[in-house]
């Protein structure tokens, strides 16, 4: 049974007929629930006769398309593992201070 994993995934959101916004990110997870994600990169996918053509968007182009508001990861998927790690560290510190 695998208790941890890592890799990269993508999410898509249609912009209009023939174009879609793509968000690609890397992640690490424990027990499929506690996850940390990084390296969010936006791309524009355009339908062509040969299939989908994608190109990475610059930060300016992503802001013009309002990419962070149209397509993002929720806080739990971005920082869930870090939140539990921080709670654990604080609990250990309080326990040591309380003695």
PDB file of N, CA and C in Angstrom:
ATOM      1  N   UNK A   1       0.842  -1.178   0.000  1.00  0.00           N
ATOM      2  CA  UNK A   1       0.000   0.000   0.000  1.00  0.00           C
ATOM      3  C   UNK A   1       0.886   1.240   0.000  1.00  0.00           C
ATOM      4  N   UNK A   2       0.578   2.191  -0.841  1.00  0.00           N
ATOM      5  CA  UNK A   2       1.367   3.409  -0.968  1.00  0.00           C
ATOM      6  C   UNK A   2       0.775   4.474  -0.052  1.00  0.00           C
ATOM      7  N   UNK A   3       1.623   5.032   0.812  1.00  0.00           N
ATOM      8  CA  UNK A   3       1.162   6.057   1.744  1.00  0.00           C
ATOM      9  C   UNK A   3       1.602   7.451   1.339  1.00  0.00           C
ATOM     10  N   UNK A   4       2.437   7.565   0.325  1.00  0.00           N
ATOM     11  CA  UNK A   4       2.866   8.874  -0.137  1.00  0.00           C
ATOM     12  C   UNK A   4       3.040   8.824  -1.646  1.00  0.00           C
ATOM     13  N   UNK A   5       3.118   9.991  -2.246  1.00  0.00           N
ATOM     14  CA  UNK A   5       3.306  10.048  -3.685  1.00  0.00           C
ATOM     15  C   UNK A   5       3.656  11.447  -4.121  1.00  0.00           C
ATOM     16  N   UNK A   6       4.079  11.559  -5.368  1.00  0.00           N
ATOM     17  CA  UNK A   6       4.426  12.855  -5.921  1.00  0.00           C
ATOM     18  C   UNK A   6       4.256  12.794  -7.423  1.00  0.00           C
ATOM     19  N   UNK A   7       4.283  13.931  -8.040  1.00  0.00           N
ATOM     20  CA  UNK A   7       4.147  13.981  -9.490  1.00  0.00           C
ATOM     21  C   UNK A   7       3.700  15.351  -9.929  1.00  0.00           C
ATOM     22  N   UNK A   8       3.067  15.390 -11.079  1.00  0.00           N
ATOM     23  CA  UNK A   8       2.515  16.639 -11.583  1.00  0.00           C
ATOM     24  C   UNK A   8       1.148  16.350 -12.194  1.00  0.00           C
ATOM     25  N   UNK A   9       0.300  17.340 -12.135  1.00  0.00           N
ATOM     26  CA  UNK A   9      -1.060  17.230 -12.656  1.00  0.00           C
ATOM     27  C   UNK A   9      -1.416  18.519 -13.366  1.00  0.00           C
ATOM     28  N   UNK A  10      -2.555  18.506 -14.022  1.00  0.00           N
ATOM     29  CA  UNK A  10      -3.040  19.721 -14.665  1.00  0.00           C
ATOM     30  C   UNK A  10      -4.555  19.818 -14.508  1.00  0.00           C
ATOM     31  N   UNK A  11      -5.026  21.044 -14.547  1.00  0.00           N
ATOM     32  CA  UNK A  11      -6.456  21.348 -14.547  1.00  0.00           C
ATOM     33  C   UNK A  11      -6.725  22.240 -15.747  1.00  0.00           C
ATOM     34  N   UNK A  12      -7.920  22.147 -16.315  1.00  0.00           N
ATOM     35  CA  UNK A  12      -8.259  22.977 -17.467  1.00  0.00           C
ATOM     36  C   UNK A  12      -9.580  23.692 -17.246  1.00  0.00           C
ATOM     37  N   UNK A  13      -9.706  24.829 -17.891  1.00  0.00           N
ATOM     38  CA  UNK A  13     -10.954  25.595 -17.888  1.00  0.00           C
ATOM     39  C   UNK A  13     -11.139  26.171 -19.287  1.00  0.00           C
ATOM     40  N   UNK A  14     -12.310  25.979 -19.892  1.00  0.00           N
ATOM     41  CA  UNK A  14     -12.529  26.530 -21.237  1.00  0.00           C
ATOM     42  C   UNK A  14     -12.601  28.055 -21.204  1.00  0.00           C
ATOM     43  N   UNK A  15     -11.985  28.697 -22.193  1.00  0.00           N
ATOM     44  CA  UNK A  15     -12.072  30.157 -22.336  1.00  0.00           C
ATOM     45  C   UNK A  15     -13.162  30.521 -23.330  1.00  0.00           C
ATOM     46  N   UNK A  16     -13.106  29.903 -24.490  1.00  0.00           N
ATOM     47  CA  UNK A  16     -14.118  30.078 -25.526  1.00  0.00           C
ATOM     48  C   UNK A  16     -14.017  28.874 -26.458  1.00  0.00           C
ATOM     49  N   UNK A  17     -14.747  28.900 -27.554  1.00  0.00           N
ATOM     50  CA  UNK A  17     -14.715  27.767 -28.485  1.00  0.00           C
ATOM     51  C   UNK A  17     -13.315  27.625 -29.075  1.00  0.00           C
ATOM     52  N   UNK A  18     -12.679  26.505 -28.808  1.00  0.00           N
ATOM     53  CA  UNK A  18     -11.373  26.237 -29.380  1.00  0.00           C
ATOM     54  C   UNK A  18     -10.187  26.660 -28.542  1.00  0.00           C
ATOM     55  N   UNK A  19     -10.419  27.262 -27.373  1.00  0.00           N
ATOM     56  CA  UNK A  19      -9.303  27.662 -26.505  1.00  0.00           C
ATOM     57  C   UNK A  19      -9.611  27.268 -25.060  1.00  0.00           C
ATOM     58  N   UNK A  20      -8.562  26.868 -24.350  1.00  0.00           N
ATOM     59  CA  UNK A  20      -8.715  26.493 -22.951  1.00  0.00           C
ATOM     60  C   UNK A  20      -7.491  26.959 -22.172  1.00  0.00           C
ATOM     61  N   UNK A  21      -7.716  27.260 -20.927  1.00  0.00           N
ATOM     62  CA  UNK A  21      -6.651  27.644 -20.006  1.00  0.00           C
ATOM     63  C   UNK A  21      -6.216  26.394 -19.255  1.00  0.00           C
ATOM     64  N   UNK A  22      -4.926  26.161 -19.148  1.00  0.00           N
ATOM     65  CA  UNK A  22      -4.391  24.968 -18.497  1.00  0.00           C
ATOM     66  C   UNK A  22      -3.498  25.396 -17.344  1.00  0.00           C
ATOM     67  N   UNK A  23      -3.712  24.793 -16.181  1.00  0.00           N
ATOM     68  CA  UNK A  23      -2.869  25.017 -15.010  1.00  0.00           C
ATOM     69  C   UNK A  23      -2.117  23.729 -14.727  1.00  0.00           C
ATOM     70  N   UNK A  24      -0.795  23.790 -14.737  1.00  0.00           N
ATOM     71  CA  UNK A  24       0.041  22.620 -14.450  1.00  0.00           C
ATOM     72  C   UNK A  24       0.795  22.888 -13.159  1.00  0.00           C
ATOM     73  N   UNK A  25       0.868  21.857 -12.283  1.00  0.00           N
ATOM     74  CA  UNK A  25       1.530  22.007 -10.994  1.00  0.00           C
ATOM     75  C   UNK A  25       2.155  20.689 -10.553  1.00  0.00           C
ATOM     76  N   UNK A  26       3.123  20.801  -9.652  1.00  0.00           N
ATOM     77  CA  UNK A  26       3.754  19.630  -9.044  1.00  0.00           C
ATOM     78  C   UNK A  26       3.210  19.475  -7.634  1.00  0.00           C
ATOM     79  N   UNK A  27       3.243  18.243  -7.108  1.00  0.00           N
ATOM     80  CA  UNK A  27       2.690  18.016  -5.777  1.00  0.00           C
ATOM     81  C   UNK A  27       3.417  16.870  -5.071  1.00  0.00           C
ATOM     82  N   UNK A  28       3.246  16.836  -3.761  1.00  0.00           N
ATOM     83  CA  UNK A  28       3.662  15.728  -2.909  1.00  0.00           C
ATOM     84  C   UNK A  28       2.518  15.496  -1.943  1.00  0.00           C
ATOM     85  N   UNK A  29       2.161  14.232  -1.688  1.00  0.00           N
ATOM     86  CA  UNK A  29       1.048  13.972  -0.770  1.00  0.00           C
ATOM     87  C   UNK A  29       1.384  12.830   0.183  1.00  0.00           C
ATOM     88  N   UNK A  30       0.725  12.879   1.328  1.00  0.00           N
ATOM     89  CA  UNK A  30       0.726  11.792   2.304  1.00  0.00           C
ATOM     90  C   UNK A  30      -0.704  11.336   2.472  1.00  0.00           C
ATOM     91  N   UNK A  31      -0.943  10.058   2.340  1.00  0.00           N
ATOM     92  CA  UNK A  31      -2.274   9.460   2.517  1.00  0.00           C
ATOM     93  C   UNK A  31      -3.324  10.101   1.615  1.00  0.00           C
ATOM     94  N   UNK A  32      -2.957  10.637   0.463  1.00  0.00           N
ATOM     95  CA  UNK A  32      -3.843  11.221  -0.529  1.00  0.00           C
ATOM     96  C   UNK A  32      -4.661  12.391  -0.003  1.00  0.00           C
ATOM     97  N   UNK A  33      -4.481  12.770   1.235  1.00  0.00           N
ATOM     98  CA  UNK A  33      -5.259  13.857   1.809  1.00  0.00           C
ATOM     99  C   UNK A  33      -4.383  15.053   2.139  1.00  0.00           C
ATOM    100  N   UNK A  34      -3.238  14.811   2.719  1.00  0.00           N
ATOM    101  CA  UNK A  34      -2.328  15.890   3.081  1.00  0.00           C
ATOM    102  C   UNK A  34      -1.418  16.151   1.896  1.00  0.00           C
ATOM    103  N   UNK A  35      -1.536  17.320   1.309  1.00  0.00           N
ATOM    104  CA  UNK A  35      -0.854  17.597   0.055  1.00  0.00           C
ATOM    105  C   UNK A  35      -0.207  18.976   0.102  1.00  0.00           C
ATOM    106  N   UNK A  36       0.900  19.112  -0.587  1.00  0.00           N
ATOM    107  CA  UNK A  36       1.528  20.404  -0.823  1.00  0.00           C
ATOM    108  C   UNK A  36       1.803  20.491  -2.321  1.00  0.00           C
ATOM    109  N   UNK A  37       1.470  21.636  -2.923  1.00  0.00           N
ATOM    110  CA  UNK A  37       1.629  21.822  -4.367  1.00  0.00           C
ATOM    111  C   UNK A  37       2.457  23.067  -4.630  1.00  0.00           C
ATOM    112  N   UNK A  38       3.237  23.040  -5.705  1.00  0.00           N
ATOM    113  CA  UNK A  38       4.084  24.177  -6.044  1.00  0.00           C
ATOM    114  C   UNK A  38       4.274  24.220  -7.554  1.00  0.00           C
ATOM    115  N   UNK A  39       4.899  25.284  -8.027  1.00  0.00           N
ATOM    116  CA  UNK A  39       5.225  25.407  -9.444  1.00  0.00           C
ATOM    117  C   UNK A  39       4.023  25.587 -10.346  1.00  0.00           C
ATOM    118  N   UNK A  40       3.064  26.406  -9.926  1.00  0.00           N
ATOM    119  CA  UNK A  40       1.886  26.635 -10.745  1.00  0.00           C
ATOM    120  C   UNK A  40       2.279  27.399 -12.009  1.00  0.00           C
ATOM    121  N   UNK A  41       1.973  26.807 -13.172  1.00  0.00           N
ATOM    122  CA  UNK A  41       2.282  27.422 -14.457  1.00  0.00           C
ATOM    123  C   UNK A  41       1.037  27.358 -15.335  1.00  0.00           C
ATOM    124  N   UNK A  42       0.734  28.485 -15.969  1.00  0.00           N
ATOM    125  CA  UNK A  42      -0.429  28.560 -16.848  1.00  0.00           C
ATOM    126  C   UNK A  42      -0.006  28.429 -18.303  1.00  0.00           C
ATOM    127  N   UNK A  43      -0.853  27.745 -19.083  1.00  0.00           N
ATOM    128  CA  UNK A  43      -0.643  27.593 -20.521  1.00  0.00           C
ATOM    129  C   UNK A  43      -1.959  27.857 -21.229  1.00  0.00           C
ATOM    130  N   UNK A  44      -1.861  28.168 -22.508  1.00  0.00           N
ATOM    131  CA  UNK A  44      -3.037  28.363 -23.341  1.00  0.00           C
ATOM    132  C   UNK A  44      -3.077  27.228 -24.356  1.00  0.00           C
ATOM    133  N   UNK A  45      -4.160  26.485 -24.372  1.00  0.00           N
ATOM    134  CA  UNK A  45      -4.341  25.382 -25.322  1.00  0.00           C
ATOM    135  C   UNK A  45      -5.310  25.834 -26.410  1.00  0.00           C
ATOM    136  N   UNK A  46      -4.917  25.630 -27.661  1.00  0.00           N
ATOM    137  CA  UNK A  46      -5.736  26.024 -28.800  1.00  0.00           C
ATOM    138  C   UNK A  46      -5.981  24.798 -29.674  1.00  0.00           C
ATOM    139  N   UNK A  47      -7.242  24.611 -30.044  1.00  0.00           N
ATOM    140  CA  UNK A  47      -7.599  23.475 -30.908  1.00  0.00           C
ATOM    141  C   UNK A  47      -7.136  23.744 -32.332  1.00  0.00           C
ATOM    142  N   UNK A  48      -6.436  22.769 -32.908  1.00  0.00           N
ATOM    143  CA  UNK A  48      -6.007  22.846 -34.304  1.00  0.00           C
ATOM    144  C   UNK A  48      -6.483  21.590 -35.019  1.00  0.00           C
ATOM    145  N   UNK A  49      -6.237  21.507 -36.314  1.00  0.00           N
ATOM    146  CA  UNK A  49      -6.643  20.327 -37.073  1.00  0.00           C
ATOM    147  C   UNK A  49      -5.870  19.085 -36.622  1.00  0.00           C
ATOM    148  N   UNK A  50      -4.651  19.284 -36.130  1.00  0.00           N
ATOM    149  CA  UNK A  50      -3.805  18.160 -35.709  1.00  0.00           C
ATOM    150  C   UNK A  50      -3.968  17.828 -34.229  1.00  0.00           C
ATOM    151  N   UNK A  51      -4.827  18.536 -33.516  1.00  0.00           N
ATOM    152  CA  UNK A  51      -5.007  18.306 -32.077  1.00  0.00           C
ATOM    153  C   UNK A  51      -4.847  19.609 -31.310  1.00  0.00           C
ATOM    154  N   UNK A  52      -4.489  19.496 -30.059  1.00  0.00           N
ATOM    155  CA  UNK A  52      -4.343  20.679 -29.211  1.00  0.00           C
ATOM    156  C   UNK A  52      -2.906  21.182 -29.249  1.00  0.00           C
ATOM    157  N   UNK A  53      -2.747  22.470 -29.469  1.00  0.00           N
ATOM    158  CA  UNK A  53      -1.428  23.113 -29.420  1.00  0.00           C
ATOM    159  C   UNK A  53      -1.395  23.955 -28.146  1.00  0.00           C
ATOM    160  N   UNK A  54      -0.366  23.779 -27.351  1.00  0.00           N
ATOM    161  CA  UNK A  54      -0.265  24.533 -26.101  1.00  0.00           C
ATOM    162  C   UNK A  54       1.010  25.373 -26.097  1.00  0.00           C
ATOM    163  N   UNK A  55       0.922  26.501 -25.431  1.00  0.00           N
ATOM    164  CA  UNK A  55       2.100  27.331 -25.207  1.00  0.00           C
ATOM    165  C   UNK A  55       1.998  27.933 -23.819  1.00  0.00           C
ATOM    166  N   UNK A  56       3.129  28.023 -23.166  1.00  0.00           N
ATOM    167  CA  UNK A  56       3.162  28.549 -21.808  1.00  0.00           C
ATOM    168  C   UNK A  56       2.919  30.050 -21.840  1.00  0.00           C
ATOM    169  N   UNK A  57       2.160  30.530 -20.865  1.00  0.00           N
ATOM    170  CA  UNK A  57       1.846  31.954 -20.765  1.00  0.00           C
ATOM    171  C   UNK A  57       2.845  32.642 -19.849  1.00  0.00           C
ATOM    172  N   UNK A  58       3.213  33.860 -20.204  1.00  0.00           N
ATOM    173  CA  UNK A  58       4.027  34.668 -19.301  1.00  0.00           C
ATOM    174  C   UNK A  58       3.123  35.156 -18.171  1.00  0.00           C
ATOM    175  N   UNK A  59       3.715  35.699 -17.126  1.00  0.00           N
ATOM    176  CA  UNK A  59       2.917  36.212 -16.009  1.00  0.00           C
ATOM    177  C   UNK A  59       1.971  37.320 -16.468  1.00  0.00           C
ATOM    178  N   UNK A  60       2.431  38.177 -17.365  1.00  0.00           N
ATOM    179  CA  UNK A  60       1.586  39.268 -17.865  1.00  0.00           C
ATOM    180  C   UNK A  60       0.398  38.728 -18.658  1.00  0.00           C
ATOM    181  N   UNK A  61       0.645  37.753 -19.521  1.00  0.00           N
ATOM    182  CA  UNK A  61      -0.435  37.158 -20.309  1.00  0.00           C
ATOM    183  C   UNK A  61      -1.442  36.445 -19.408  1.00  0.00           C
ATOM    184  N   UNK A  62      -0.955  35.766 -18.382  1.00  0.00           N
ATOM    185  CA  UNK A  62      -1.851  35.076 -17.448  1.00  0.00           C
ATOM    186  C   UNK A  62      -2.737  36.088 -16.714  1.00  0.00           C
ATOM    187  N   UNK A  63      -2.179  37.220 -16.336  1.00  0.00           N
ATOM    188  CA  UNK A  63      -2.978  38.249 -15.658  1.00  0.00           C
ATOM    189  C   UNK A  63      -3.999  38.866 -16.608  1.00  0.00           C
ATOM    190  N   UNK A  64      -3.650  39.041 -17.872  1.00  0.00           N
ATOM    191  CA  UNK A  64      -4.599  39.588 -18.848  1.00  0.00           C
ATOM    192  C   UNK A  64      -5.788  38.658 -19.043  1.00  0.00           C
ATOM    193  N   UNK A  65      -5.551  37.353 -18.966  1.00  0.00           N
ATOM    194  CA  UNK A  65      -6.639  36.373 -19.099  1.00  0.00           C
ATOM    195  C   UNK A  65      -7.335  36.108 -17.768  1.00  0.00           C
ATOM    196  N   UNK A  66      -6.893  36.772 -16.695  1.00  0.00           N
ATOM    197  CA  UNK A  66      -7.462  36.587 -15.354  1.00  0.00           C
ATOM    198  C   UNK A  66      -7.329  35.131 -14.897  1.00  0.00           C
ATOM    199  N   UNK A  67      -6.198  34.525 -15.237  1.00  0.00           N
ATOM    200  CA  UNK A  67      -5.971  33.103 -14.972  1.00  0.00           C
ATOM    201  C   UNK A  67      -6.069  32.724 -13.494  1.00  0.00           C
ATOM    202  N   UNK A  68      -5.468  33.485 -12.551  1.00  0.00           N
ATOM    203  CA  UNK A  68      -5.552  33.061 -11.146  1.00  0.00           C
ATOM    204  C   UNK A  68      -6.977  33.026 -10.596  1.00  0.00           C
ATOM    205  N   UNK A  69      -7.874  33.830 -11.141  1.00  0.00           N
ATOM    206  CA  UNK A  69      -9.267  33.804 -10.681  1.00  0.00           C
ATOM    207  C   UNK A  69     -10.093  32.753 -11.412  1.00  0.00           C
ATOM    208  N   UNK A  70      -9.749  32.454 -12.641  1.00  0.00           N
ATOM    209  CA  UNK A  70     -10.489  31.451 -13.417  1.00  0.00           C
ATOM    210  C   UNK A  70     -10.113  30.026 -13.033  1.00  0.00           C
ATOM    211  N   UNK A  71      -8.825  29.826 -12.719  1.00  0.00           N
ATOM    212  CA  UNK A  71      -8.339  28.467 -12.516  1.00  0.00           C
ATOM    213  C   UNK A  71      -7.232  28.486 -11.465  1.00  0.00           C
ATOM    214  N   UNK A  72      -7.498  27.895 -10.313  1.00  0.00           N
ATOM    215  CA  UNK A  72      -6.504  27.841  -9.249  1.00  0.00           C
ATOM    216  C   UNK A  72      -6.735  26.593  -8.410  1.00  0.00           C
ATOM    217  N   UNK A  73      -5.832  26.342  -7.493  1.00  0.00           N
ATOM    218  CA  UNK A  73      -5.979  25.243  -6.542  1.00  0.00           C
ATOM    219  C   UNK A  73      -6.497  25.810  -5.234  1.00  0.00           C
ATOM    220  N   UNK A  74      -7.320  25.043  -4.542  1.00  0.00           N
ATOM    221  CA  UNK A  74      -7.784  25.536  -3.250  1.00  0.00           C
ATOM    222  C   UNK A  74      -6.639  25.473  -2.228  1.00  0.00           C
ATOM    223  N   UNK A  75      -6.814  26.176  -1.134  1.00  0.00           N
ATOM    224  CA  UNK A  75      -5.749  26.277  -0.135  1.00  0.00           C
ATOM    225  C   UNK A  75      -5.362  24.927   0.441  1.00  0.00           C
ATOM    226  N   UNK A  76      -6.331  24.039   0.611  1.00  0.00           N
ATOM    227  CA  UNK A  76      -6.020  22.737   1.180  1.00  0.00           C
ATOM    228  C   UNK A  76      -5.086  21.939   0.264  1.00  0.00           C
ATOM    229  N   UNK A  77      -5.310  21.979  -1.029  1.00  0.00           N
ATOM    230  CA  UNK A  77      -4.450  21.246  -1.966  1.00  0.00           C
ATOM    231  C   UNK A  77      -3.090  21.912  -2.120  1.00  0.00           C
ATOM    232  N   UNK A  78      -3.011  23.220  -1.891  1.00  0.00           N
ATOM    233  CA  UNK A  78      -1.718  23.907  -2.003  1.00  0.00           C
ATOM    234  C   UNK A  78      -0.887  23.758  -0.750  1.00  0.00           C
ATOM    235  N   UNK A  79      -1.519  23.892   0.454  1.00  0.00           N
ATOM    236  CA  UNK A  79      -0.756  23.979   1.692  1.00  0.00           C
ATOM    237  C   UNK A  79      -1.226  23.042   2.797  1.00  0.00           C
ATOM    238  N   UNK A  80      -2.070  22.055   2.502  1.00  0.00           N
ATOM    239  CA  UNK A  80      -2.636  21.183   3.529  1.00  0.00           C
ATOM    240  C   UNK A  80      -1.585  20.473   4.359  1.00  0.00           C
ATOM    241  N   UNK A  81      -0.564  19.938   3.729  1.00  0.00           N
ATOM    242  CA  UNK A  81       0.492  19.244   4.454  1.00  0.00           C
ATOM    243  C   UNK A  81       1.276  20.208   5.334  1.00  0.00           C
ATOM    244  N   UNK A  82       1.530  21.411   4.829  1.00  0.00           N
ATOM    245  CA  UNK A  82       2.268  22.409   5.612  1.00  0.00           C
ATOM    246  C   UNK A  82       1.464  22.880   6.828  1.00  0.00           C
ATOM    247  N   UNK A  83       0.142  22.980   6.676  1.00  0.00           N
ATOM    248  CA  UNK A  83      -0.696  23.399   7.807  1.00  0.00           C
ATOM    249  C   UNK A  83      -0.627  22.383   8.939  1.00  0.00           C
ATOM    250  N   UNK A  84      -0.720  21.084   8.609  1.00  0.00           N
ATOM    251  CA  UNK A  84      -0.627  20.055   9.647  1.00  0.00           C
ATOM    252  C   UNK A  84       0.754  19.997  10.256  1.00  0.00           C
ATOM    253  N   UNK A  85       1.794  20.227   9.457  1.00  0.00           N
ATOM    254  CA  UNK A  85       3.156  20.259   9.994  1.00  0.00           C
ATOM    255  C   UNK A  85       3.316  21.422  10.965  1.00  0.00           C
ATOM    256  N   UNK A  86       2.766  22.581  10.626  1.00  0.00           N
ATOM    257  CA  UNK A  86       2.847  23.749  11.514  1.00  0.00           C
ATOM    258  C   UNK A  86       2.083  23.502  12.813  1.00  0.00           C
ATOM    259  N   UNK A  87       0.906  22.895  12.732  1.00  0.00           N
ATOM    260  CA  UNK A  87       0.125  22.583  13.943  1.00  0.00           C
ATOM    261  C   UNK A  87       0.899  21.617  14.823  1.00  0.00           C
ATOM    262  N   UNK A  88       1.544  20.633  14.231  1.00  0.00           N
ATOM    263  CA  UNK A  88       2.326  19.661  14.999  1.00  0.00           C
ATOM    264  C   UNK A  88       3.501  20.331  15.696  1.00  0.00           C
ATOM    265  N   UNK A  89       4.218  21.194  15.001  1.00  0.00           N
ATOM    266  CA  UNK A  89       5.359  21.900  15.595  1.00  0.00           C
ATOM    267  C   UNK A  89       4.900  22.782  16.749  1.00  0.00           C
ATOM    268  N   UNK A  90       3.819  23.514  16.564  1.00  0.00           N
ATOM    269  CA  UNK A  90       3.297  24.369  17.637  1.00  0.00           C
ATOM    270  C   UNK A  90       2.859  23.533  18.831  1.00  0.00           C
ATOM    271  N   UNK A  91       2.213  22.404  18.601  1.00  0.00           N
ATOM    272  CA  UNK A  91       1.781  21.535  19.699  1.00  0.00           C
ATOM    273  C   UNK A  91       2.981  21.000  20.465  1.00  0.00           C
ATOM    274  N   UNK A  92       4.037  20.623  19.769  1.00  0.00           N
ATOM    275  CA  UNK A  92       5.240  20.132  20.439  1.00  0.00           C
ATOM    276  C   UNK A  92       5.898  21.248  21.249  1.00  0.00           C
ATOM    277  N   UNK A  93       5.965  22.433  20.699  1.00  0.00           N
ATOM    278  CA  UNK A  93       6.556  23.567  21.419  1.00  0.00           C
ATOM    279  C   UNK A  93       5.757  23.905  22.681  1.00  0.00           C
ATOM    280  N   UNK A  94       4.444  23.930  22.574  1.00  0.00           N
ATOM    281  CA  UNK A  94       3.605  24.227  23.737  1.00  0.00           C
ATOM    282  C   UNK A  94       3.769  23.140  24.778  1.00  0.00           C
ATOM    283  N   UNK A  95       3.808  21.903  24.347  1.00  0.00           N
ATOM    284  CA  UNK A  95       3.968  20.775  25.285  1.00  0.00           C
ATOM    285  C   UNK A  95       5.320  20.859  26.010  1.00  0.00           C
ATOM    286  N   UNK A  96       6.380  21.247  25.276  1.00  0.00           N
ATOM    287  CA  UNK A  96       7.698  21.376  25.922  1.00  0.00           C
ATOM    288  C   UNK A  96       7.761  22.563  26.872  1.00  0.00           C
ATOM    289  N   UNK A  97       7.093  23.662  26.509  1.00  0.00           N
ATOM    290  CA  UNK A  97       7.082  24.835  27.378  1.00  0.00           C
ATOM    291  C   UNK A  97       6.252  24.591  28.640  1.00  0.00           C
ATOM    292  N   UNK A  98       5.167  23.842  28.491  1.00  0.00           N
ATOM    293  CA  UNK A  98       4.292  23.545  29.634  1.00  0.00           C
ATOM    294  C   UNK A  98       4.988  22.548  30.571  1.00  0.00           C
ATOM    295  N   UNK A  99       5.907  21.802  30.025  1.00  0.00           N
ATOM    296  CA  UNK A  99       6.766  20.905  30.787  1.00  0.00           C
ATOM    297  C   UNK A  99       6.125  19.773  31.429  1.00  0.00           C
TER     298      UNK A  99
END
